[in-house]
Amino acid sequence: MSVLELLRRWPSMLFMIFMPASYFLVSYFTSDAVTMVPALAYDGDVQRTVQVLDRDFKALYLAVLGISVTSSFAAMTVVRPGMAALRRLRLVGYRAHHLLSARLYVLLIITVVSTAVFMAIFVPLVNLESVALAATALLLVGFVGVALGTLIGLLVPREFEASMLLIAAAGVQMALGRSGADAERFLPYWPGVEALKSAAFVSGADVTRFGGLGALYAVALFGLSYIVWNRRTRLWRR
C-alpha cells in the first residue's frame, strides 16, 4: 500500500530531490571560489580548527539541507494517508509494526537514492578526505530525517503545519551551523553534520561518537513514532 501511495505521488518525490539539488548547485557555483574560512571539526573527541574553502563549507550544509528535507518530507507523505484502510488491515491480522515497517522499508530506499544523488553532485565539487565516511554521514542525516518526518507526520494533523516544522528544523540547523552557534548541538541533525564535517575536512577522522549519537536520535524518534502509530491504528473494542 505504501509503495502504491509513493508511486501515486512520484512527481512530488522527484520534486523533493530536484529542488534541493538545484539549490545546492546554484548556491555552490555562485559562491566565491577562493575565500578560506576557519571551520571546527572533530577527530574523535578532539575538536580541531581547519582552514577550508567557504563554498565547500557552505556546500556541506546545503547537502545536509537537501537530504534532510527530502527524507523528512517523503516520510511525512508516506505515513499520513489511509488510516481507515490501515485499521481494516489490522482487522485481518496485520500488526502495527508490520504496517509501519512496510512504510519504513520504502523510505529506506528513498533515503539511499537521494543520498546517492547528492553524493554524485557533492563528490566532484568538494574535496573530501573520506568519500565513504561522507556518504555514511549523509545517510545518517537521511535516517534522522525519516524518523523526524514520521513523527511529525503522525503528530501534526495538517500537512501545511507539518511541512513548515520540517523546513524549520532543517533551515535552523543550517543557519546556526553556518554562524557557529553552540545551540546547533541541540538540534536533531547535529550528529550527522559533525560526522560530515569530520569526513570532509579531517584526514583519518574518527566519527564513531557522532555515528552512535545520530543512531540513538533516530532510534528514539522511531520509538516515539511507533507509540503514536500503534495508538492511531489501534482497534478499540466496545
C-alpha atoms as a PDB file:
ATOM      1  CA  MET A   1       0.000   0.000   0.000  1.00  0.00           C
ATOM      2  CA  SER A   2       2.777   2.426   0.892  1.00  0.00           C
ATOM      3  CA  VAL A   3       4.534   1.609  -2.404  1.00  0.00           C
ATOM      4  CA  LEU A   4       1.344   2.372  -4.336  1.00  0.00           C
ATOM      5  CA  GLU A   5       0.928   5.631  -2.432  1.00  0.00           C
ATOM      6  CA  LEU A   6       4.507   6.543  -3.233  1.00  0.00           C
ATOM      7  CA  LEU A   7       4.080   5.719  -6.922  1.00  0.00           C
ATOM      8  CA  ARG A   8       0.948   7.853  -6.999  1.00  0.00           C
ATOM      9  CA  ARG A   9       2.988  10.759  -5.665  1.00  0.00           C
ATOM     10  CA  TRP A  10       6.134  10.191  -7.732  1.00  0.00           C
ATOM     11  CA  PRO A  11       6.117  13.765  -9.136  1.00  0.00           C
ATOM     12  CA  SER A  12       6.259  15.066  -5.558  1.00  0.00           C
ATOM     13  CA  MET A  13       9.125  12.685  -4.771  1.00  0.00           C
ATOM     14  CA  LEU A  14      11.113  13.886  -7.796  1.00  0.00           C
ATOM     15  CA  PHE A  15      10.409  17.488  -6.835  1.00  0.00           C
ATOM     16  CA  MET A  16      11.704  16.842  -3.305  1.00  0.00           C
ATOM     17  CA  ILE A  17      15.019  15.662  -4.759  1.00  0.00           C
ATOM     18  CA  PHE A  18      15.248  18.109  -7.675  1.00  0.00           C
ATOM     19  CA  MET A  19      14.648  21.343  -5.776  1.00  0.00           C
ATOM     20  CA  PRO A  20      17.282  20.889  -3.022  1.00  0.00           C
ATOM     21  CA  ALA A  21      19.778  19.590  -5.607  1.00  0.00           C
ATOM     22  CA  SER A  22      19.164  22.617  -7.839  1.00  0.00           C
ATOM     23  CA  TYR A  23      19.517  24.984  -4.880  1.00  0.00           C
ATOM     24  CA  PHE A  24      22.765  23.241  -3.943  1.00  0.00           C
ATOM     25  CA  LEU A  25      24.249  23.683  -7.431  1.00  0.00           C
ATOM     26  CA  VAL A  26      23.168  27.309  -7.847  1.00  0.00           C
ATOM     27  CA  SER A  27      24.478  28.272  -4.403  1.00  0.00           C
ATOM     28  CA  TYR A  28      27.774  26.466  -4.937  1.00  0.00           C
ATOM     29  CA  PHE A  29      28.598  27.961  -8.332  1.00  0.00           C
ATOM     30  CA  THR A  30      27.601  31.486  -7.300  1.00  0.00           C
ATOM     31  CA  SER A  31      29.851  31.407  -4.207  1.00  0.00           C
ATOM     32  CA  ASP A  32      33.391  32.780  -4.047  1.00  0.00           C
ATOM     33  CA  ALA A  33      35.827  30.084  -5.164  1.00  0.00           C
ATOM     34  CA  VAL A  34      38.918  31.352  -3.273  1.00  0.00           C
ATOM     35  CA  THR A  35      37.781  32.628   0.133  1.00  0.00           C
ATOM     36  CA  MET A  36      39.037  30.497   3.029  1.00  0.00           C
ATOM     37  CA  VAL A  37      37.256  30.286   6.384  1.00  0.00           C
ATOM     38  CA  PRO A  38      38.052  28.528   9.684  1.00  0.00           C
ATOM     39  CA  ALA A  39      35.863  25.513  10.448  1.00  0.00           C
ATOM     40  CA  LEU A  40      35.629  23.465  13.626  1.00  0.00           C
ATOM     41  CA  ALA A  41      35.691  19.713  13.039  1.00  0.00           C
ATOM     42  CA  TYR A  42      36.001  16.773  15.417  1.00  0.00           C
ATOM     43  CA  ASP A  43      38.505  13.936  15.295  1.00  0.00           C
ATOM     44  CA  GLY A  44      37.033  11.588  17.884  1.00  0.00           C
ATOM     45  CA  ASP A  45      36.570  13.741  20.994  1.00  0.00           C
ATOM     46  CA  VAL A  46      39.150  16.326  19.926  1.00  0.00           C
ATOM     47  CA  GLN A  47      37.907  19.440  18.155  1.00  0.00           C
ATOM     48  CA  ARG A  48      40.237  20.950  15.576  1.00  0.00           C
ATOM     49  CA  THR A  49      40.197  24.193  13.600  1.00  0.00           C
ATOM     50  CA  VAL A  50      40.846  23.700   9.896  1.00  0.00           C
ATOM     51  CA  GLN A  51      41.007  26.194   7.045  1.00  0.00           C
ATOM     52  CA  VAL A  52      38.590  25.286   4.256  1.00  0.00           C
ATOM     53  CA  LEU A  53      37.060  26.932   1.226  1.00  0.00           C
ATOM     54  CA  ASP A  54      33.989  28.922   2.195  1.00  0.00           C
ATOM     55  CA  ARG A  55      31.933  27.424  -0.592  1.00  0.00           C
ATOM     56  CA  ASP A  56      32.962  23.884   0.425  1.00  0.00           C
ATOM     57  CA  PHE A  57      31.824  24.620   3.976  1.00  0.00           C
ATOM     58  CA  LYS A  58      28.575  26.052   2.648  1.00  0.00           C
ATOM     59  CA  ALA A  59      28.149  23.056   0.330  1.00  0.00           C
ATOM     60  CA  LEU A  60      28.316  20.723   3.306  1.00  0.00           C
ATOM     61  CA  TYR A  61      25.332  22.392   4.961  1.00  0.00           C
ATOM     62  CA  LEU A  62      23.463  22.604   1.662  1.00  0.00           C
ATOM     63  CA  ALA A  63      23.869  18.838   1.234  1.00  0.00           C
ATOM     64  CA  VAL A  64      22.536  18.292   4.760  1.00  0.00           C
ATOM     65  CA  LEU A  65      19.617  20.610   3.969  1.00  0.00           C
ATOM     66  CA  GLY A  66      18.809  18.695   0.784  1.00  0.00           C
ATOM     67  CA  ILE A  67      18.983  15.214   2.323  1.00  0.00           C
ATOM     68  CA  SER A  68      17.062  16.203   5.454  1.00  0.00           C
ATOM     69  CA  VAL A  69      14.250  17.911   3.536  1.00  0.00           C
ATOM     70  CA  THR A  70      13.934  15.077   1.004  1.00  0.00           C
ATOM     71  CA  SER A  71      13.876  12.276   3.588  1.00  0.00           C
ATOM     72  CA  SER A  72      11.629  14.012   6.121  1.00  0.00           C
ATOM     73  CA  PHE A  73       9.084  15.125   3.505  1.00  0.00           C
ATOM     74  CA  ALA A  74       8.997  11.638   1.996  1.00  0.00           C
ATOM     75  CA  ALA A  75       8.338  10.168   5.449  1.00  0.00           C
ATOM     76  CA  MET A  76       5.597  12.664   6.193  1.00  0.00           C
ATOM     77  CA  THR A  77       3.963  11.899   2.821  1.00  0.00           C
ATOM     78  CA  VAL A  78       4.068   8.133   3.297  1.00  0.00           C
ATOM     79  CA  VAL A  79       2.797   7.845   6.880  1.00  0.00           C
ATOM     80  CA  ARG A  80      -0.090  10.306   6.776  1.00  0.00           C
ATOM     81  CA  PRO A  81      -2.740   8.877   4.416  1.00  0.00           C
ATOM     82  CA  GLY A  82      -5.077   5.902   4.693  1.00  0.00           C
ATOM     83  CA  MET A  83      -5.660   5.411   8.424  1.00  0.00           C
ATOM     84  CA  ALA A  84      -9.097   3.869   7.755  1.00  0.00           C
ATOM     85  CA  ALA A  85      -7.531   1.344   5.380  1.00  0.00           C
ATOM     86  CA  LEU A  86      -4.839   0.591   7.938  1.00  0.00           C
ATOM     87  CA  ARG A  87      -7.439  -0.222  10.560  1.00  0.00           C
ATOM     88  CA  ARG A  88      -9.052  -2.659   8.116  1.00  0.00           C
ATOM     89  CA  LEU A  89      -5.671  -4.326   7.682  1.00  0.00           C
ATOM     90  CA  ARG A  90      -5.435  -4.591  11.457  1.00  0.00           C
ATOM     91  CA  LEU A  91      -8.795  -6.379  11.408  1.00  0.00           C
ATOM     92  CA  VAL A  92      -7.452  -9.101   9.101  1.00  0.00           C
ATOM     93  CA  GLY A  93      -4.460  -9.765  11.316  1.00  0.00           C
ATOM     94  CA  TYR A  94      -1.681  -7.308  10.476  1.00  0.00           C
ATOM     95  CA  ARG A  95       0.078  -5.864  13.500  1.00  0.00           C
ATOM     96  CA  ALA A  96       1.043  -2.212  13.872  1.00  0.00           C
ATOM     97  CA  HIS A  97       4.764  -2.887  13.488  1.00  0.00           C
ATOM     98  CA  HIS A  98       4.141  -4.789  10.222  1.00  0.00           C
ATOM     99  CA  LEU A  99       2.348  -1.809   8.719  1.00  0.00           C
ATOM    100  CA  LEU A 100       4.911   0.713   9.926  1.00  0.00           C
ATOM    101  CA  SER A 101       7.863  -1.428   8.842  1.00  0.00           C
ATOM    102  CA  ALA A 102       6.466  -1.699   5.305  1.00  0.00           C
ATOM    103  CA  ARG A 103       6.500   2.080   5.039  1.00  0.00           C
ATOM    104  CA  LEU A 104       9.954   2.391   6.568  1.00  0.00           C
ATOM    105  CA  TYR A 105      11.397  -0.037   4.000  1.00  0.00           C
ATOM    106  CA  VAL A 106      10.139   2.226   1.222  1.00  0.00           C
ATOM    107  CA  LEU A 107      11.572   5.264   2.997  1.00  0.00           C
ATOM    108  CA  LEU A 108      14.916   3.491   3.334  1.00  0.00           C
ATOM    109  CA  ILE A 109      15.021   3.125  -0.454  1.00  0.00           C
ATOM    110  CA  ILE A 110      14.189   6.810  -0.919  1.00  0.00           C
ATOM    111  CA  THR A 111      16.907   7.831   1.537  1.00  0.00           C
ATOM    112  CA  VAL A 112      19.550   5.707  -0.187  1.00  0.00           C
ATOM    113  CA  VAL A 113      18.571   7.009  -3.638  1.00  0.00           C
ATOM    114  CA  SER A 114      18.540  10.661  -2.554  1.00  0.00           C
ATOM    115  CA  THR A 115      21.901  10.208  -0.801  1.00  0.00           C
ATOM    116  CA  ALA A 116      23.351   8.691  -3.979  1.00  0.00           C
ATOM    117  CA  VAL A 117      22.065  11.664  -5.994  1.00  0.00           C
ATOM    118  CA  PHE A 118      23.637  14.194  -3.631  1.00  0.00           C
ATOM    119  CA  MET A 119      26.902  12.250  -3.430  1.00  0.00           C
ATOM    120  CA  ALA A 120      27.064  12.196  -7.233  1.00  0.00           C
ATOM    121  CA  ILE A 121      26.861  16.003  -7.138  1.00  0.00           C
ATOM    122  CA  PHE A 122      28.890  16.501  -3.968  1.00  0.00           C
ATOM    123  CA  VAL A 123      31.984  14.364  -4.667  1.00  0.00           C
ATOM    124  CA  PRO A 124      33.183  16.022  -7.914  1.00  0.00           C
ATOM    125  CA  LEU A 125      32.820  19.518  -6.438  1.00  0.00           C
ATOM    126  CA  VAL A 126      34.022  19.261  -2.835  1.00  0.00           C
ATOM    127  CA  ASN A 127      37.436  17.959  -1.798  1.00  0.00           C
ATOM    128  CA  LEU A 128      36.551  15.204   0.692  1.00  0.00           C
ATOM    129  CA  GLU A 129      39.068  13.477   2.932  1.00  0.00           C
ATOM    130  CA  SER A 130      36.883  10.343   3.026  1.00  0.00           C
ATOM    131  CA  VAL A 131      34.125   9.735   0.487  1.00  0.00           C
ATOM    132  CA  ALA A 132      32.904   6.620   2.323  1.00  0.00           C
ATOM    133  CA  LEU A 133      32.559   8.424   5.664  1.00  0.00           C
ATOM    134  CA  ALA A 134      30.860  11.379   3.953  1.00  0.00           C
ATOM    135  CA  ALA A 135      28.299   9.039   2.371  1.00  0.00           C
ATOM    136  CA  THR A 136      27.733   7.375   5.747  1.00  0.00           C
ATOM    137  CA  ALA A 137      27.222  10.769   7.403  1.00  0.00           C
ATOM    138  CA  LEU A 138      24.674  11.815   4.776  1.00  0.00           C
ATOM    139  CA  LEU A 139      22.850   8.502   5.215  1.00  0.00           C
ATOM    140  CA  LEU A 140      22.747   9.217   8.942  1.00  0.00           C
ATOM    141  CA  VAL A 141      21.201  12.625   8.219  1.00  0.00           C
ATOM    142  CA  GLY A 142      18.664  10.896   5.981  1.00  0.00           C
ATOM    143  CA  PHE A 143      17.698   8.315   8.614  1.00  0.00           C
ATOM    144  CA  VAL A 144      17.210  11.031  11.235  1.00  0.00           C
ATOM    145  CA  GLY A 145      15.147  12.951   8.673  1.00  0.00           C
ATOM    146  CA  VAL A 146      12.942   9.904   8.061  1.00  0.00           C
ATOM    147  CA  ALA A 147      12.460   9.420  11.801  1.00  0.00           C
ATOM    148  CA  LEU A 148      11.638  13.100  12.351  1.00  0.00           C
ATOM    149  CA  GLY A 149       9.312  13.263   9.345  1.00  0.00           C
ATOM    150  CA  THR A 150       7.494  10.126  10.500  1.00  0.00           C
ATOM    151  CA  LEU A 151       6.922  11.515  13.984  1.00  0.00           C
ATOM    152  CA  ILE A 152       5.861  14.990  12.813  1.00  0.00           C
ATOM    153  CA  GLY A 153       3.613  13.494  10.137  1.00  0.00           C
ATOM    154  CA  LEU A 154       1.815  11.415  12.758  1.00  0.00           C
ATOM    155  CA  LEU A 155       1.548  14.135  15.396  1.00  0.00           C
ATOM    156  CA  VAL A 156       0.587  17.192  13.328  1.00  0.00           C
ATOM    157  CA  PRO A 157      -2.872  16.818  11.768  1.00  0.00           C
ATOM    158  CA  ARG A 158      -2.482  19.231   8.844  1.00  0.00           C
ATOM    159  CA  GLU A 159       0.144  18.858   6.134  1.00  0.00           C
ATOM    160  CA  PHE A 160       1.000  22.557   5.859  1.00  0.00           C
ATOM    161  CA  GLU A 161       1.954  22.909   9.523  1.00  0.00           C
ATOM    162  CA  ALA A 162       3.884  19.629   9.415  1.00  0.00           C
ATOM    163  CA  SER A 163       5.793  20.826   6.344  1.00  0.00           C
ATOM    164  CA  MET A 164       6.684  24.131   7.996  1.00  0.00           C
ATOM    165  CA  LEU A 165       8.047  22.343  11.059  1.00  0.00           C
ATOM    166  CA  LEU A 166      10.254  20.099   8.936  1.00  0.00           C
ATOM    167  CA  ILE A 167      11.553  23.023   6.876  1.00  0.00           C
ATOM    168  CA  ALA A 168      12.207  24.986  10.062  1.00  0.00           C
ATOM    169  CA  ALA A 169      14.197  22.117  11.599  1.00  0.00           C
ATOM    170  CA  ALA A 170      16.461  21.854   8.548  1.00  0.00           C
ATOM    171  CA  GLY A 171      16.720  25.619   7.989  1.00  0.00           C
ATOM    172  CA  VAL A 172      17.549  26.464  11.596  1.00  0.00           C
ATOM    173  CA  GLN A 173      20.175  23.702  11.627  1.00  0.00           C
ATOM    174  CA  MET A 174      21.827  25.263   8.580  1.00  0.00           C
ATOM    175  CA  ALA A 175      21.624  28.835   9.893  1.00  0.00           C
ATOM    176  CA  LEU A 176      23.044  28.003  13.323  1.00  0.00           C
ATOM    177  CA  GLY A 177      25.747  25.790  11.863  1.00  0.00           C
ATOM    178  CA  ARG A 178      26.948  28.406   9.391  1.00  0.00           C
ATOM    179  CA  SER A 179      27.098  31.017  12.151  1.00  0.00           C
ATOM    180  CA  GLY A 180      28.979  28.705  14.533  1.00  0.00           C
ATOM    181  CA  ALA A 181      26.337  28.929  17.276  1.00  0.00           C
ATOM    182  CA  ASP A 182      26.599  26.430  20.145  1.00  0.00           C
ATOM    183  CA  ALA A 183      22.815  25.959  20.035  1.00  0.00           C
ATOM    184  CA  GLU A 184      23.276  23.828  16.910  1.00  0.00           C
ATOM    185  CA  ARG A 185      24.195  20.831  19.079  1.00  0.00           C
ATOM    186  CA  PHE A 186      20.624  20.698  20.454  1.00  0.00           C
ATOM    187  CA  LEU A 187      19.093  20.070  17.015  1.00  0.00           C
ATOM    188  CA  PRO A 188      18.447  16.589  15.582  1.00  0.00           C
ATOM    189  CA  TYR A 189      20.769  16.750  12.582  1.00  0.00           C
ATOM    190  CA  TRP A 190      23.832  17.882  14.563  1.00  0.00           C
ATOM    191  CA  PRO A 191      25.498  14.422  14.847  1.00  0.00           C
ATOM    192  CA  GLY A 192      25.239  13.889  11.097  1.00  0.00           C
ATOM    193  CA  VAL A 193      26.566  17.392  10.396  1.00  0.00           C
ATOM    194  CA  GLU A 194      29.582  16.897  12.650  1.00  0.00           C
ATOM    195  CA  ALA A 195      30.282  13.471  11.156  1.00  0.00           C
ATOM    196  CA  LEU A 196      30.139  15.013   7.676  1.00  0.00           C
ATOM    197  CA  LYS A 197      32.485  17.868   8.635  1.00  0.00           C
ATOM    198  CA  SER A 198      34.980  15.387  10.042  1.00  0.00           C
ATOM    199  CA  ALA A 199      34.726  13.168   6.956  1.00  0.00           C
ATOM    200  CA  ALA A 200      35.185  16.153   4.655  1.00  0.00           C
ATOM    201  CA  PHE A 201      37.918  18.128   6.383  1.00  0.00           C
ATOM    202  CA  VAL A 202      39.870  15.833   8.778  1.00  0.00           C
ATOM    203  CA  SER A 203      42.154  13.127   7.419  1.00  0.00           C
ATOM    204  CA  GLY A 204      41.557   9.748   9.082  1.00  0.00           C
ATOM    205  CA  ALA A 205      38.802  11.173  11.280  1.00  0.00           C
ATOM    206  CA  ASP A 206      37.061   9.025  13.883  1.00  0.00           C
ATOM    207  CA  VAL A 207      33.302   9.640  13.581  1.00  0.00           C
ATOM    208  CA  THR A 208      32.180   6.756  15.812  1.00  0.00           C
ATOM    209  CA  ARG A 209      30.896   9.111  18.507  1.00  0.00           C
ATOM    210  CA  PHE A 210      28.642  11.047  16.155  1.00  0.00           C
ATOM    211  CA  GLY A 211      27.528   7.943  14.288  1.00  0.00           C
ATOM    212  CA  GLY A 212      26.382   6.391  17.552  1.00  0.00           C
ATOM    213  CA  LEU A 213      24.713   9.591  18.734  1.00  0.00           C
ATOM    214  CA  GLY A 214      22.874  10.053  15.443  1.00  0.00           C
ATOM    215  CA  ALA A 215      21.721   6.425  15.511  1.00  0.00           C
ATOM    216  CA  LEU A 216      20.465   6.975  19.069  1.00  0.00           C
ATOM    217  CA  TYR A 217      18.483  10.037  17.929  1.00  0.00           C
ATOM    218  CA  ALA A 218      16.948   8.054  15.073  1.00  0.00           C
ATOM    219  CA  VAL A 219      16.031   5.097  17.309  1.00  0.00           C
ATOM    220  CA  ALA A 220      14.439   7.420  19.889  1.00  0.00           C
ATOM    221  CA  LEU A 221      12.377   9.199  17.218  1.00  0.00           C
ATOM    222  CA  PHE A 222      11.334   5.893  15.635  1.00  0.00           C
ATOM    223  CA  GLY A 223      10.348   4.599  19.075  1.00  0.00           C
ATOM    224  CA  LEU A 224       8.117   7.608  19.685  1.00  0.00           C
ATOM    225  CA  SER A 225       6.698   7.229  16.174  1.00  0.00           C
ATOM    226  CA  TYR A 226       5.807   3.597  16.853  1.00  0.00           C
ATOM    227  CA  ILE A 227       3.959   4.546  20.043  1.00  0.00           C
ATOM    228  CA  VAL A 228       1.906   7.153  18.158  1.00  0.00           C
ATOM    229  CA  TRP A 229       1.411   4.828  15.174  1.00  0.00           C
ATOM    230  CA  ASN A 230       0.208   1.984  17.391  1.00  0.00           C
ATOM    231  CA  ARG A 231      -2.324   4.277  19.020  1.00  0.00           C
ATOM    232  CA  ARG A 232      -3.510   5.738  15.704  1.00  0.00           C
ATOM    233  CA  THR A 233      -4.096   2.298  14.172  1.00  0.00           C
ATOM    234  CA  ARG A 234      -5.419   0.596  17.300  1.00  0.00           C
ATOM    235  CA  LEU A 235      -8.745  -1.214  17.106  1.00  0.00           C
ATOM    236  CA  TRP A 236     -10.765  -0.023  20.074  1.00  0.00           C
ATOM    237  CA  ARG A 237     -13.157  -2.673  21.389  1.00  0.00           C
ATOM    238  CA  ARG A 238     -16.572  -1.537  22.514  1.00  0.00           C
END
